[in-house]
Amino acid sequence: MSRCALVFVVALGCHSSIRFQDTRTGEVRTERRDEAPRVLPVTATVDDTGRLRLVEPLVCATDTVTDVASFEVERIRPNAATLIVGVIATGAGLVAAATGALAEDRAALGYGGAGAMAIGLPLVIGPLVGNHTARNPTGVQQVRRAGAAEPCGERAVGGGHATVLYSGLHLEGAVDSDGVFALSPFDVVDAFEPRQQALDLAIDLERADGVIRVDALVPASVLASARAGFLAARHVDAEVPPMATLDKLARYEAGPLAASLAPGPSLRVALPLTNAGPGRGYGVRVVLASSNLELDGRVLYVGALAPGATTTLSLTIALSTEGARAAAGPDFTLAALIRDGHGLAPSTPVRLRGVVLRTGS
């Protein structure tokens, strides 16, 4: 009987085989296209040392590349028909065996039940053994889709003269070949102020090929991150310790404020400053106030000033022709307000006495 069952199993088949194609998504990456970058309009940036630069941002086209692996899948699963026949045969054999145990002709029923189970059990067990899924790689393909353009550098815009307008202030200066403006934003924004505000700039860059108008917003966070680099580049001691740690305090005395016009045109400003106190001064700087918007708000930095030390703050400020004419006029005013990191500087500004002189050099 078992030999017949084996033949039946072989004929019927314990398993069914399914073959199909499958894919799996692998690495996803961004690749730049091999083509020229796109040039965006000119804008202004502030680098880590507080320099204002005029640049053309560049953006590059990209593709999103996905690796897709292909597989031939063979799935071996139980043959449902064989399993059902086996369950029925095994069940019938168990019933026959149980009935034979109670019947008079126990031998016949017993043999019949045993034979049915001998046929049924292989049909139940066979489909449950040897099931598996085999995946055979057939290749890898790359699927490309257009991605978002991404920044890929910048190109300096320089070689000219720039006029920068900021909150009513007027700045004049040259722009070098690397796009760096002669003045830093911190020349009109106090770098020692703990809170910085965004700069809304309007810039006219005059070059041989015409005038380029640039409107740029410099975020406050950019200025805050560039403050330390600016002071270091200007060799200004940025230390301002807590006032509670000072056992001696500084006291500031200023000399006369002088100003003279020079060719360019430009204005030279000078102010002697002495620390007459027993303590060291920290965060020392001078802020100019003027009727001339090309001078108003300019900051001259000292940093730390030792007890008994004297320094002369001097600055040469490039002016427009109109600015130079106004500086030589009778209504021109100029004052210097001393500031330090602990509020010890005098609150009364030092004012220019007399008229602005002209020099030949």
Protein backbone atom coordinates (compact mmCIF):
# COMPACT_ATOMS: atom_id res chain seq x y z
CA MET A 1 0.00 0.00 0.00
CA SER A 2 2.84 2.41 0.84
CA ARG A 3 4.31 1.77 -2.62
CA CYS A 4 1.03 2.84 -4.19
CA ALA A 5 0.97 5.94 -2.02
CA LEU A 6 4.46 6.86 -3.16
CA VAL A 7 3.41 6.50 -6.78
CA PHE A 8 0.37 8.63 -6.12
CA VAL A 9 2.43 11.35 -4.46
CA VAL A 10 4.89 11.41 -7.33
CA ALA A 11 2.09 11.52 -9.87
CA LEU A 12 0.13 14.18 -8.09
CA GLY A 13 3.09 16.27 -6.91
CA CYS A 14 3.64 17.59 -3.39
CA HIS A 15 4.63 21.13 -4.45
CA SER A 16 3.73 23.81 -6.94
CA SER A 17 6.42 26.02 -8.50
CA ILE A 18 5.88 29.67 -9.47
CA ARG A 19 8.41 31.72 -11.42
CA PHE A 20 8.19 35.50 -11.83
CA GLN A 21 10.34 38.63 -12.21
CA ASP A 22 10.88 41.00 -9.27
CA THR A 23 12.77 44.26 -8.68
CA ARG A 24 14.26 45.86 -5.60
CA THR A 25 15.18 49.54 -5.14
CA GLY A 26 18.76 50.09 -4.02
CA GLU A 27 20.89 53.19 -3.47
CA VAL A 28 19.38 56.58 -4.30
CA ARG A 29 21.85 59.38 -5.01
CA THR A 30 22.03 62.81 -6.58
CA GLU A 31 24.35 63.39 -9.52
CA ARG A 32 25.12 66.67 -11.25
CA ARG A 33 24.53 66.82 -14.95
CA ASP A 34 27.51 67.35 -17.19
CA GLU A 35 26.41 70.78 -18.36
CA ALA A 36 27.26 74.41 -17.67
CA PRO A 37 25.86 75.87 -14.43
CA ARG A 38 23.09 78.46 -14.51
CA VAL A 39 24.06 81.94 -13.33
CA LEU A 40 21.71 83.72 -10.90
CA PRO A 41 21.44 87.51 -10.53
CA VAL A 42 24.21 89.32 -8.66
CA THR A 43 23.84 89.40 -4.89
CA ALA A 44 25.87 90.46 -1.86
CA THR A 45 27.25 88.09 0.74
CA VAL A 46 29.26 88.49 3.93
CA ASP A 47 32.14 86.06 4.43
CA ASP A 48 33.55 84.70 7.70
CA THR A 49 35.80 87.75 8.15
CA GLY A 50 32.98 90.25 7.71
CA ARG A 51 33.89 91.25 4.15
CA LEU A 52 31.07 92.28 1.82
CA ARG A 53 31.38 90.51 -1.54
CA LEU A 54 29.43 90.84 -4.77
CA VAL A 55 28.94 87.48 -6.42
CA GLU A 56 26.87 85.67 -9.02
CA PRO A 57 25.56 82.46 -7.41
CA LEU A 58 25.78 79.36 -9.58
CA VAL A 59 23.26 76.51 -9.61
CA CYS A 60 23.70 73.15 -11.32
CA ALA A 61 21.08 70.81 -12.73
CA THR A 62 20.95 67.39 -11.08
CA ASP A 63 19.48 63.95 -11.62
CA THR A 64 18.16 61.63 -8.96
CA VAL A 65 19.67 58.23 -9.77
CA THR A 66 18.14 55.06 -8.33
CA ASP A 67 19.73 51.63 -8.62
CA VAL A 68 17.06 49.04 -9.43
CA ALA A 69 18.09 45.36 -9.12
CA SER A 70 16.18 42.70 -11.10
CA PHE A 71 15.65 39.14 -9.89
CA GLU A 72 14.14 35.92 -11.23
CA VAL A 73 12.18 34.47 -8.35
CA GLU A 74 11.24 30.78 -8.01
CA ARG A 75 8.78 30.14 -5.23
CA ILE A 76 8.11 26.53 -4.12
CA ARG A 77 4.84 26.21 -2.21
CA PRO A 78 2.70 23.29 -0.99
CA ASN A 79 0.37 21.72 -3.55
CA ALA A 80 -3.03 22.46 -2.05
CA ALA A 81 -4.72 19.52 -3.82
CA THR A 82 -2.17 17.01 -2.53
CA LEU A 83 -2.45 18.43 0.97
CA ILE A 84 -6.25 18.20 0.92
CA VAL A 85 -6.18 14.60 -0.33
CA GLY A 86 -3.66 13.72 2.36
CA VAL A 87 -5.76 15.30 5.11
CA ILE A 88 -8.86 13.46 3.91
CA ALA A 89 -7.03 10.11 3.61
CA THR A 90 -5.40 10.48 7.00
CA GLY A 91 -8.70 11.46 8.57
CA ALA A 92 -10.44 8.49 6.98
CA GLY A 93 -7.69 6.18 8.20
CA LEU A 94 -8.03 7.47 11.75
CA VAL A 95 -11.80 6.97 11.63
CA ALA A 96 -11.39 3.45 10.23
CA ALA A 97 -8.81 2.58 12.86
CA ALA A 98 -11.04 3.89 15.65
CA THR A 99 -14.08 2.08 14.28
CA GLY A 100 -12.10 -1.15 13.86
CA ALA A 101 -11.10 -1.03 17.48
CA LEU A 102 -14.78 -1.31 18.41
CA ALA A 103 -16.00 -3.59 15.61
CA GLU A 104 -16.05 -7.40 15.45
CA ASP A 105 -13.93 -7.49 12.28
CA ARG A 106 -11.10 -5.57 13.81
CA ALA A 107 -8.45 -6.91 11.51
CA ALA A 108 -10.10 -5.77 8.28
CA LEU A 109 -10.91 -2.32 9.56
CA GLY A 110 -7.53 -2.06 11.19
CA TYR A 111 -5.71 -2.91 8.00
CA GLY A 112 -7.91 -0.53 6.03
CA GLY A 113 -7.30 2.32 8.48
CA ALA A 114 -3.58 1.72 8.53
CA GLY A 115 -3.48 1.68 4.75
CA ALA A 116 -5.41 4.95 4.50
CA MET A 117 -3.05 6.64 6.96
CA ALA A 118 -0.07 5.19 5.13
CA ILE A 119 -1.33 6.93 2.02
CA GLY A 120 -2.56 10.10 3.71
CA LEU A 121 0.40 10.95 5.97
CA PRO A 122 2.94 11.28 3.12
CA LEU A 123 0.44 13.45 1.30
CA VAL A 124 0.19 15.71 4.36
CA ILE A 125 3.88 15.77 5.29
CA GLY A 126 5.29 15.92 1.75
CA PRO A 127 3.85 19.34 0.81
CA LEU A 128 5.07 20.81 4.11
CA VAL A 129 8.70 19.87 3.50
CA GLY A 130 11.12 21.57 1.09
CA ASN A 131 9.24 24.82 0.56
CA HIS A 132 11.50 27.78 -0.27
CA THR A 133 11.93 30.91 -2.34
CA ALA A 134 15.03 31.34 -4.53
CA ARG A 135 16.04 34.79 -5.86
CA ASN A 136 18.51 34.80 -8.75
CA PRO A 137 19.93 38.24 -9.69
CA THR A 138 19.58 39.09 -13.37
CA GLY A 139 21.09 42.61 -13.43
CA VAL A 140 21.07 46.18 -12.11
CA GLN A 141 19.66 49.17 -13.97
CA GLN A 142 19.90 52.89 -13.19
CA VAL A 143 16.70 54.91 -13.27
CA ARG A 144 17.27 58.65 -13.73
CA ARG A 145 14.81 61.40 -12.93
CA ALA A 146 15.29 65.15 -13.10
CA GLY A 147 16.21 66.48 -9.65
CA ALA A 148 16.15 69.92 -8.11
CA ALA A 149 18.89 72.38 -9.04
CA GLU A 150 21.45 72.82 -6.27
CA PRO A 151 24.02 75.54 -5.47
CA CYS A 152 27.40 74.78 -6.99
CA GLY A 153 29.57 77.76 -6.16
CA GLU A 154 29.69 81.41 -7.02
CA ARG A 155 31.51 83.77 -9.33
CA ALA A 156 32.96 87.06 -8.16
CA VAL A 157 31.68 90.27 -9.71
CA GLY A 158 34.26 93.00 -9.28
CA GLY A 159 36.45 95.57 -10.87
CA GLY A 160 34.52 98.80 -10.32
CA HIS A 161 33.18 101.36 -7.89
CA ALA A 162 30.15 100.75 -5.69
CA THR A 163 27.65 102.97 -3.94
CA VAL A 164 25.93 101.19 -1.07
CA LEU A 165 22.75 102.48 0.54
CA TYR A 166 21.71 101.14 3.94
CA SER A 167 19.03 102.64 6.22
CA GLY A 168 19.61 106.07 4.71
CA LEU A 169 23.39 105.82 4.99
CA HIS A 170 25.53 106.27 1.91
CA LEU A 171 28.79 104.36 1.45
CA GLU A 172 31.30 104.83 -1.35
CA GLY A 173 34.14 102.45 -2.17
CA ALA A 174 36.00 100.35 -4.69
CA VAL A 175 35.28 96.70 -5.47
CA ASP A 176 38.34 94.57 -6.15
CA SER A 177 38.68 91.78 -8.71
CA ASP A 178 37.49 89.24 -6.13
CA GLY A 179 34.23 91.15 -5.67
CA VAL A 180 35.21 92.47 -2.20
CA PHE A 181 33.86 95.90 -1.31
CA ALA A 182 36.30 98.31 0.34
CA LEU A 183 34.05 98.61 3.40
CA SER A 184 32.73 95.92 5.70
CA PRO A 185 29.17 96.10 7.02
CA PHE A 186 30.81 96.37 10.45
CA ASP A 187 32.24 99.73 9.38
CA VAL A 188 28.71 101.06 9.92
CA VAL A 189 27.31 98.30 12.17
CA ASP A 190 28.77 98.10 15.68
CA ALA A 191 30.36 94.65 15.94
CA PHE A 192 30.35 94.84 19.75
CA GLU A 193 26.57 95.15 19.92
CA PRO A 194 25.21 91.82 21.22
CA ARG A 195 22.22 91.88 18.87
CA GLN A 196 22.58 92.38 15.16
CA GLN A 197 19.87 93.39 12.72
CA ALA A 198 19.46 92.30 9.12
CA LEU A 199 20.95 94.58 6.48
CA ASP A 200 18.75 95.60 3.58
CA LEU A 201 21.25 96.81 0.99
CA ALA A 202 20.83 98.64 -2.31
CA ILE A 203 24.08 98.61 -4.27
CA ASP A 204 25.01 100.29 -7.55
CA LEU A 205 28.15 98.74 -9.04
CA GLU A 206 29.70 100.97 -11.69
CA ARG A 207 31.86 99.10 -14.20
CA ALA A 208 33.20 99.76 -17.65
CA ASP A 209 30.29 97.81 -19.15
CA GLY A 210 27.62 99.73 -17.24
CA VAL A 211 25.92 99.94 -13.86
CA ILE A 212 24.64 96.81 -12.10
CA ARG A 213 21.92 97.30 -9.47
CA VAL A 214 22.03 94.79 -6.63
CA ASP A 215 19.36 94.44 -3.94
CA ALA A 216 20.43 92.10 -1.15
CA LEU A 217 19.29 91.19 2.34
CA VAL A 218 22.03 90.08 4.73
CA PRO A 219 20.43 88.09 7.60
CA ALA A 220 21.24 89.03 11.19
CA SER A 221 22.50 85.49 11.80
CA VAL A 222 25.12 85.93 9.06
CA LEU A 223 26.38 89.14 10.65
CA ALA A 224 26.48 87.54 14.10
CA SER A 225 28.52 84.59 12.82
CA ALA A 226 30.98 86.91 11.00
CA ARG A 227 31.55 89.27 13.94
CA ALA A 228 34.43 87.36 15.57
CA GLY A 229 36.20 86.87 12.23
CA PHE A 230 35.92 90.57 11.43
CA LEU A 231 37.43 91.67 14.75
CA ALA A 232 40.24 89.13 14.40
CA ALA A 233 41.01 90.29 10.85
CA ARG A 234 41.18 93.91 12.07
CA HIS A 235 43.44 92.82 14.98
CA VAL A 236 40.92 94.11 17.50
CA ASP A 237 40.87 92.47 20.93
CA ALA A 238 37.26 91.27 21.27
CA GLU A 239 37.45 90.31 24.96
CA VAL A 240 34.81 91.91 27.20
CA PRO A 241 34.86 90.19 30.62
CA PRO A 242 31.91 90.53 33.01
CA MET A 243 32.09 93.81 34.91
CA ALA A 244 31.76 91.95 38.23
CA THR A 245 35.18 90.43 37.62
CA LEU A 246 36.91 93.83 37.31
CA ASP A 247 38.64 95.23 40.38
CA LYS A 248 39.67 98.46 38.60
CA LEU A 249 37.80 100.49 36.03
CA ALA A 250 38.83 102.44 32.95
CA ARG A 251 38.26 106.15 32.44
CA TYR A 252 38.43 107.68 29.00
CA GLU A 253 39.64 111.12 27.95
CA ALA A 254 39.48 112.25 24.32
CA GLY A 255 41.59 114.85 22.56
CA PRO A 256 40.36 117.20 19.83
CA LEU A 257 38.51 115.72 16.88
CA ALA A 258 40.21 116.65 13.60
CA ALA A 259 39.04 116.24 10.01
CA SER A 260 40.61 117.20 6.68
CA LEU A 261 39.64 116.75 3.03
CA ALA A 262 42.09 114.96 0.75
CA PRO A 263 42.10 114.12 -2.97
CA GLY A 264 40.00 111.17 -4.00
CA PRO A 265 37.93 112.80 -2.67
CA SER A 266 38.13 111.52 0.91
CA LEU A 267 37.91 112.77 4.47
CA ARG A 268 40.55 111.97 7.07
CA VAL A 269 39.29 111.79 10.64
CA ALA A 270 41.50 111.54 13.73
CA LEU A 271 40.73 111.39 17.45
CA PRO A 272 43.29 110.86 20.27
CA LEU A 273 41.92 108.70 23.08
CA THR A 274 43.52 108.04 26.48
CA ASN A 275 42.60 105.56 29.20
CA ALA A 276 43.21 107.70 32.28
CA GLY A 277 41.75 105.16 34.70
CA PRO A 278 43.50 102.51 36.75
CA GLY A 279 41.69 99.65 35.00
CA ARG A 280 41.96 98.17 31.53
CA GLY A 281 39.34 99.23 28.98
CA TYR A 282 37.47 96.60 26.94
CA GLY A 283 35.39 96.79 23.79
CA VAL A 284 36.48 100.35 23.11
CA ARG A 285 35.30 101.97 19.89
CA VAL A 286 34.14 105.33 18.54
CA VAL A 287 30.98 105.93 16.52
CA LEU A 288 30.77 108.99 14.26
CA ALA A 289 27.67 111.12 13.96
CA SER A 290 27.46 113.59 11.09
CA SER A 291 25.12 115.66 8.98
CA ASN A 292 26.80 113.92 6.03
CA LEU A 293 25.19 110.52 5.44
CA GLU A 294 28.44 109.24 3.93
CA LEU A 295 30.09 109.67 7.35
CA ASP A 296 27.24 109.11 9.78
CA GLY A 297 27.37 105.84 11.70
CA ARG A 298 31.00 104.97 10.88
CA VAL A 299 32.65 102.86 13.59
CA LEU A 300 36.34 103.08 14.56
CA TYR A 301 37.53 100.12 16.63
CA VAL A 302 40.14 100.04 19.39
CA GLY A 303 39.28 96.93 21.39
CA ALA A 304 41.26 96.75 24.65
CA LEU A 305 43.07 99.83 26.00
CA ALA A 306 45.59 99.48 28.81
CA PRO A 307 45.65 101.87 31.80
CA GLY A 308 47.55 105.03 30.93
CA ALA A 309 47.68 104.16 27.23
CA THR A 310 46.89 106.63 24.46
CA THR A 311 45.87 105.73 20.94
CA THR A 312 44.87 107.85 17.98
CA LEU A 313 41.90 106.57 16.05
CA SER A 314 42.21 107.53 12.41
CA LEU A 315 40.12 106.74 9.40
CA THR A 316 40.16 107.79 5.75
CA ILE A 317 36.66 107.77 4.31
CA ALA A 318 36.03 107.82 0.57
CA LEU A 319 33.42 110.39 -0.41
CA SER A 320 31.40 111.18 -3.46
CA THR A 321 31.85 114.57 -5.08
CA GLU A 322 28.63 115.76 -3.45
CA GLY A 323 29.76 114.37 -0.08
CA ALA A 324 33.08 116.17 -0.27
CA ARG A 325 31.34 119.42 -1.19
CA ALA A 326 28.97 119.06 1.76
CA ALA A 327 31.86 118.32 4.16
CA ALA A 328 33.50 121.62 3.16
CA GLY A 329 30.30 123.62 3.65
CA PRO A 330 29.37 125.76 6.63
CA ASP A 331 26.53 123.45 7.73
CA PHE A 332 28.71 120.37 8.09
CA THR A 333 28.74 118.75 11.53
CA LEU A 334 30.83 115.89 12.86
CA ALA A 335 30.94 114.31 16.32
CA ALA A 336 32.51 111.21 17.87
CA LEU A 337 30.80 109.16 20.58
CA ILE A 338 33.08 106.94 22.67
CA ARG A 339 31.72 103.52 23.65
CA ASP A 340 33.10 100.58 25.59
CA GLY A 341 31.96 97.15 26.72
CA HIS A 342 31.01 98.22 30.26
CA GLY A 343 29.25 101.56 29.73
CA LEU A 344 32.09 103.54 31.31
CA ALA A 345 32.63 105.91 28.38
CA PRO A 346 31.44 109.53 28.66
CA SER A 347 27.96 110.16 27.28
CA THR A 348 28.87 113.54 25.77
CA PRO A 349 30.25 113.23 22.24
CA VAL A 350 33.42 114.96 21.09
CA ARG A 351 32.51 117.55 18.45
CA LEU A 352 34.50 118.94 15.57
CA ARG A 353 35.51 122.54 16.25
CA GLY A 354 36.05 124.89 13.33
CA VAL A 355 35.96 123.96 9.65
CA VAL A 356 37.29 121.04 7.68
CA LEU A 357 40.73 121.74 6.27
CA ARG A 358 41.97 120.70 2.84
CA THR A 359 45.24 118.90 2.31
CA GLY A 360 47.12 118.35 -0.89
CA SER A 361 47.82 114.67 -0.31
